Structure formats: structure tokens, C-alpha cells
Amino acid sequence: MFRFDSGLKVFLHREPVDFRMGINGLSILVEQAMLLNPFDHSLYVFGNRRCDRIKILGWDGAGFWLFLKRLEAEDRFVWPDTTDIVTLTVD
């Protein structure tokens, strides 16, 4: 299980991803596009093109978790404009 404390790292993949992609495809993106280790105790956030869904990938030491959040109606997630990998905090 994840501990949402100040030590948890959260990384945002800025480019939209195909939401048919599952755990294997997203973990490859973490490794190859973000140049990070999908097996460390961090969370990786991915969004779709319309910015109305996110997937969060995380490793808990025994297996991967894949969370999905879908916004309804006209709500959208606000995505940063920077080209760098964005690191978020849980504070």
C-alpha cells in the first residue's frame, strides 16, 4: 500500500497517452520516455488528450497499482505547459 506522506514522489508525464495502454505500456513509458524507474516507490501520472481522465501507476513492492480518475461533464484537469518532467508533492 502507498503512504501518502512527504516522502512520496509523484511524477507527471506531460504528453497525452493512449488510454488503451495498461500497466505494461505505462511502465515502459516511465522507463523510456521519463527515464525513471517504475519499480521505485513513486507514483506516475498520465493524462489523455481531452484532459478529462488520468491514470496513476505505482509499485508497492509486490505489484503494480493502476488508478483511473474520470471527470464528468465539462470538467478538465489543468496540465502544466513546461516540457520538463514535473514532480509533484503530496503536501
N, C-alpha and C. Protein backbone atom coordinates (compact mmCIF):
# COMPACT_ATOMS: atom_id res chain seq x y z
N MET A 1 0.84 -1.18 0.00
CA MET A 1 0.00 0.00 0.00
C MET A 1 0.88 1.24 0.00
N PHE A 2 0.36 2.33 -0.48
CA PHE A 2 1.11 3.57 -0.56
C PHE A 2 0.89 4.41 0.69
N ARG A 3 1.95 5.03 1.11
CA ARG A 3 1.84 6.01 2.20
C ARG A 3 1.92 7.38 1.57
N PHE A 4 0.87 8.14 1.71
CA PHE A 4 0.83 9.48 1.14
C PHE A 4 1.41 10.46 2.14
N ASP A 5 2.72 10.35 2.34
CA ASP A 5 3.41 11.26 3.25
C ASP A 5 4.38 12.12 2.46
N SER A 6 5.14 12.93 3.15
CA SER A 6 6.03 13.88 2.46
C SER A 6 7.16 13.19 1.69
N GLY A 7 7.42 11.92 1.94
CA GLY A 7 8.48 11.21 1.23
C GLY A 7 8.05 10.62 -0.11
N LEU A 8 6.76 10.61 -0.39
CA LEU A 8 6.26 10.04 -1.64
C LEU A 8 6.52 11.00 -2.80
N LYS A 9 7.13 10.47 -3.86
CA LYS A 9 7.39 11.28 -5.06
C LYS A 9 6.30 10.99 -6.09
N VAL A 10 5.84 12.05 -6.74
CA VAL A 10 4.81 11.93 -7.77
C VAL A 10 5.33 12.65 -9.01
N PHE A 11 5.39 11.92 -10.13
CA PHE A 11 5.90 12.47 -11.38
C PHE A 11 4.77 12.54 -12.40
N LEU A 12 4.73 13.62 -13.15
CA LEU A 12 3.69 13.84 -14.15
C LEU A 12 4.27 13.69 -15.55
N HIS A 13 3.71 12.78 -16.33
CA HIS A 13 4.09 12.63 -17.74
C HIS A 13 3.28 13.66 -18.51
N ARG A 14 3.93 14.62 -19.12
CA ARG A 14 3.25 15.78 -19.69
C ARG A 14 2.49 15.52 -20.98
N GLU A 15 2.99 14.66 -21.83
CA GLU A 15 2.33 14.38 -23.12
C GLU A 15 1.13 13.46 -22.91
N PRO A 16 0.05 13.65 -23.68
CA PRO A 16 -1.10 12.76 -23.56
C PRO A 16 -0.75 11.34 -23.99
N VAL A 17 -1.40 10.37 -23.37
CA VAL A 17 -1.16 8.96 -23.70
C VAL A 17 -2.46 8.32 -24.18
N ASP A 18 -2.31 7.24 -24.92
CA ASP A 18 -3.44 6.43 -25.38
C ASP A 18 -3.98 5.67 -24.16
N PHE A 19 -5.23 5.87 -23.80
CA PHE A 19 -5.76 5.28 -22.58
C PHE A 19 -6.13 3.81 -22.73
N ARG A 20 -5.88 3.22 -23.89
CA ARG A 20 -5.97 1.77 -24.01
C ARG A 20 -4.73 1.12 -23.40
N MET A 21 -3.71 1.93 -23.14
CA MET A 21 -2.46 1.44 -22.58
C MET A 21 -2.68 1.00 -21.13
N GLY A 22 -2.11 -0.14 -20.80
CA GLY A 22 -2.24 -0.68 -19.45
C GLY A 22 -0.94 -0.56 -18.66
N ILE A 23 -0.81 -1.39 -17.66
CA ILE A 23 0.35 -1.34 -16.76
C ILE A 23 1.66 -1.52 -17.52
N ASN A 24 1.74 -2.50 -18.39
CA ASN A 24 2.99 -2.76 -19.11
C ASN A 24 3.40 -1.58 -19.97
N GLY A 25 2.46 -1.05 -20.75
CA GLY A 25 2.78 0.08 -21.63
C GLY A 25 3.16 1.33 -20.86
N LEU A 26 2.45 1.60 -19.76
CA LEU A 26 2.76 2.78 -18.96
C LEU A 26 4.11 2.64 -18.26
N SER A 27 4.43 1.44 -17.78
CA SER A 27 5.73 1.26 -17.13
C SER A 27 6.88 1.42 -18.13
N ILE A 28 6.66 1.04 -19.39
CA ILE A 28 7.66 1.26 -20.43
C ILE A 28 7.83 2.76 -20.68
N LEU A 29 6.74 3.52 -20.68
CA LEU A 29 6.83 4.98 -20.82
C LEU A 29 7.63 5.60 -19.68
N VAL A 30 7.41 5.11 -18.47
CA VAL A 30 8.17 5.63 -17.31
C VAL A 30 9.66 5.41 -17.55
N GLU A 31 10.00 4.20 -18.00
CA GLU A 31 11.40 3.86 -18.22
C GLU A 31 12.02 4.60 -19.40
N GLN A 32 11.35 4.58 -20.53
CA GLN A 32 11.96 5.08 -21.76
C GLN A 32 11.73 6.56 -22.03
N ALA A 33 10.55 7.07 -21.76
CA ALA A 33 10.27 8.48 -22.04
C ALA A 33 10.64 9.38 -20.87
N MET A 34 10.38 8.90 -19.65
CA MET A 34 10.65 9.74 -18.48
C MET A 34 12.04 9.46 -17.89
N LEU A 35 12.68 8.37 -18.33
CA LEU A 35 14.00 7.95 -17.83
C LEU A 35 14.01 7.78 -16.32
N LEU A 36 12.93 7.16 -15.81
CA LEU A 36 12.80 6.89 -14.37
C LEU A 36 12.57 5.39 -14.17
N ASN A 37 12.66 4.94 -12.93
CA ASN A 37 12.49 3.54 -12.60
C ASN A 37 11.06 3.28 -12.15
N PRO A 38 10.26 2.52 -12.90
CA PRO A 38 8.88 2.27 -12.50
C PRO A 38 8.76 1.41 -11.24
N PHE A 39 9.87 0.78 -10.81
CA PHE A 39 9.84 -0.08 -9.64
C PHE A 39 10.24 0.62 -8.34
N ASP A 40 10.46 1.93 -8.39
CA ASP A 40 10.70 2.60 -7.11
C ASP A 40 9.34 3.00 -6.52
N HIS A 41 9.34 3.43 -5.29
CA HIS A 41 8.08 3.73 -4.61
C HIS A 41 7.63 5.15 -4.90
N SER A 42 7.31 5.40 -6.16
CA SER A 42 6.82 6.69 -6.62
C SER A 42 5.52 6.46 -7.38
N LEU A 43 4.80 7.54 -7.63
CA LEU A 43 3.60 7.48 -8.47
C LEU A 43 3.87 8.23 -9.75
N TYR A 44 3.31 7.72 -10.85
CA TYR A 44 3.48 8.32 -12.17
C TYR A 44 2.09 8.62 -12.72
N VAL A 45 1.86 9.88 -13.10
CA VAL A 45 0.54 10.34 -13.52
C VAL A 45 0.54 10.58 -15.02
N PHE A 46 -0.48 10.05 -15.70
CA PHE A 46 -0.63 10.17 -17.15
C PHE A 46 -2.02 10.73 -17.44
N GLY A 47 -2.11 11.55 -18.47
CA GLY A 47 -3.40 12.12 -18.86
C GLY A 47 -3.72 11.82 -20.31
N ASN A 48 -5.01 11.93 -20.65
CA ASN A 48 -5.41 11.74 -22.04
C ASN A 48 -5.45 13.08 -22.76
N ARG A 49 -5.73 13.05 -24.04
CA ARG A 49 -5.70 14.26 -24.87
C ARG A 49 -6.77 15.27 -24.46
N ARG A 50 -7.94 14.82 -24.06
CA ARG A 50 -9.02 15.73 -23.68
C ARG A 50 -8.87 16.28 -22.26
N CYS A 51 -7.91 15.77 -21.52
CA CYS A 51 -7.64 16.19 -20.13
C CYS A 51 -8.83 15.95 -19.21
N ASP A 52 -9.62 14.91 -19.49
CA ASP A 52 -10.73 14.58 -18.60
C ASP A 52 -10.51 13.27 -17.85
N ARG A 53 -9.34 12.64 -18.08
CA ARG A 53 -9.00 11.39 -17.39
C ARG A 53 -7.52 11.38 -17.03
N ILE A 54 -7.22 10.73 -15.92
CA ILE A 54 -5.83 10.48 -15.56
C ILE A 54 -5.70 9.02 -15.14
N LYS A 55 -4.52 8.48 -15.37
CA LYS A 55 -4.14 7.17 -14.83
C LYS A 55 -2.92 7.40 -13.97
N ILE A 56 -2.88 6.70 -12.84
CA ILE A 56 -1.75 6.80 -11.91
C ILE A 56 -1.18 5.40 -11.73
N LEU A 57 0.10 5.26 -12.02
CA LEU A 57 0.79 3.97 -11.92
C LEU A 57 1.72 4.02 -10.72
N GLY A 58 1.71 2.95 -9.94
CA GLY A 58 2.60 2.87 -8.79
C GLY A 58 2.98 1.44 -8.47
N TRP A 59 4.15 1.26 -7.91
CA TRP A 59 4.68 -0.04 -7.49
C TRP A 59 4.72 -0.06 -5.98
N ASP A 60 4.15 -1.09 -5.35
CA ASP A 60 4.14 -1.16 -3.89
C ASP A 60 5.09 -2.19 -3.31
N GLY A 61 5.94 -2.76 -4.17
CA GLY A 61 6.90 -3.76 -3.71
C GLY A 61 6.45 -5.18 -4.04
N ALA A 62 5.16 -5.39 -4.21
CA ALA A 62 4.63 -6.71 -4.54
C ALA A 62 3.95 -6.74 -5.89
N GLY A 63 3.65 -5.57 -6.43
CA GLY A 63 2.98 -5.49 -7.72
C GLY A 63 2.62 -4.05 -8.04
N PHE A 64 2.11 -3.86 -9.25
CA PHE A 64 1.71 -2.52 -9.69
C PHE A 64 0.27 -2.24 -9.30
N TRP A 65 -0.01 -0.98 -9.02
CA TRP A 65 -1.36 -0.45 -8.87
C TRP A 65 -1.60 0.45 -10.07
N LEU A 66 -2.82 0.43 -10.59
CA LEU A 66 -3.20 1.34 -11.65
C LEU A 66 -4.53 1.99 -11.26
N PHE A 67 -4.48 3.28 -11.00
CA PHE A 67 -5.66 4.05 -10.61
C PHE A 67 -6.16 4.81 -11.83
N LEU A 68 -7.47 4.98 -11.93
CA LEU A 68 -8.08 5.74 -13.01
C LEU A 68 -9.07 6.73 -12.41
N LYS A 69 -9.00 7.97 -12.87
CA LYS A 69 -9.96 9.00 -12.46
C LYS A 69 -10.54 9.61 -13.72
N ARG A 70 -11.89 9.65 -13.81
CA ARG A 70 -12.58 10.24 -14.95
C ARG A 70 -13.46 11.37 -14.44
N LEU A 71 -13.30 12.55 -15.04
CA LEU A 71 -14.13 13.69 -14.70
C LEU A 71 -15.38 13.68 -15.57
N GLU A 72 -16.47 14.14 -15.02
CA GLU A 72 -17.73 14.17 -15.75
C GLU A 72 -18.01 15.56 -16.29
N ALA A 73 -18.96 15.63 -17.19
CA ALA A 73 -19.44 16.89 -17.79
C ALA A 73 -18.29 17.62 -18.49
N GLU A 74 -18.15 18.90 -18.22
CA GLU A 74 -17.15 19.74 -18.89
C GLU A 74 -15.88 19.93 -18.05
N ASP A 75 -15.76 19.24 -16.94
CA ASP A 75 -14.58 19.39 -16.08
C ASP A 75 -13.34 18.86 -16.78
N ARG A 76 -12.20 19.51 -16.54
CA ARG A 76 -10.92 19.11 -17.13
C ARG A 76 -9.81 19.26 -16.12
N PHE A 77 -8.79 18.42 -16.23
CA PHE A 77 -7.59 18.58 -15.42
C PHE A 77 -6.74 19.69 -16.05
N VAL A 78 -6.08 20.47 -15.22
CA VAL A 78 -5.19 21.52 -15.70
C VAL A 78 -3.80 20.91 -15.80
N TRP A 79 -3.24 20.96 -16.99
CA TRP A 79 -1.94 20.33 -17.26
C TRP A 79 -0.90 21.43 -17.43
N PRO A 80 0.30 21.29 -16.87
CA PRO A 80 1.34 22.32 -17.00
C PRO A 80 1.86 22.44 -18.43
N ASP A 81 2.38 23.63 -18.75
CA ASP A 81 2.89 23.90 -20.09
C ASP A 81 4.37 23.59 -20.26
N THR A 82 5.06 23.28 -19.20
CA THR A 82 6.50 23.05 -19.27
C THR A 82 6.82 21.77 -20.04
N THR A 83 8.00 21.70 -20.61
CA THR A 83 8.41 20.49 -21.32
C THR A 83 9.19 19.53 -20.43
N ASP A 84 9.54 19.96 -19.24
CA ASP A 84 10.27 19.11 -18.31
C ASP A 84 9.32 18.12 -17.63
N ILE A 85 9.90 17.08 -17.04
CA ILE A 85 9.12 16.17 -16.21
C ILE A 85 8.75 16.94 -14.94
N VAL A 86 7.48 16.94 -14.61
CA VAL A 86 7.00 17.69 -13.47
C VAL A 86 6.96 16.77 -12.25
N THR A 87 7.53 17.22 -11.14
CA THR A 87 7.48 16.49 -9.88
C THR A 87 6.49 17.18 -8.97
N LEU A 88 5.53 16.42 -8.45
CA LEU A 88 4.52 16.97 -7.56
C LEU A 88 4.82 16.55 -6.13
N THR A 89 4.22 17.24 -5.18
CA THR A 89 4.35 16.86 -3.77
C THR A 89 2.98 16.46 -3.25
N VAL A 90 2.96 15.73 -2.14
CA VAL A 90 1.71 15.33 -1.54
C VAL A 90 1.27 16.29 -0.44
N ASP A 91 2.03 17.34 -0.22
CA ASP A 91 1.68 18.33 0.82
C ASP A 91 0.48 19.15 0.44
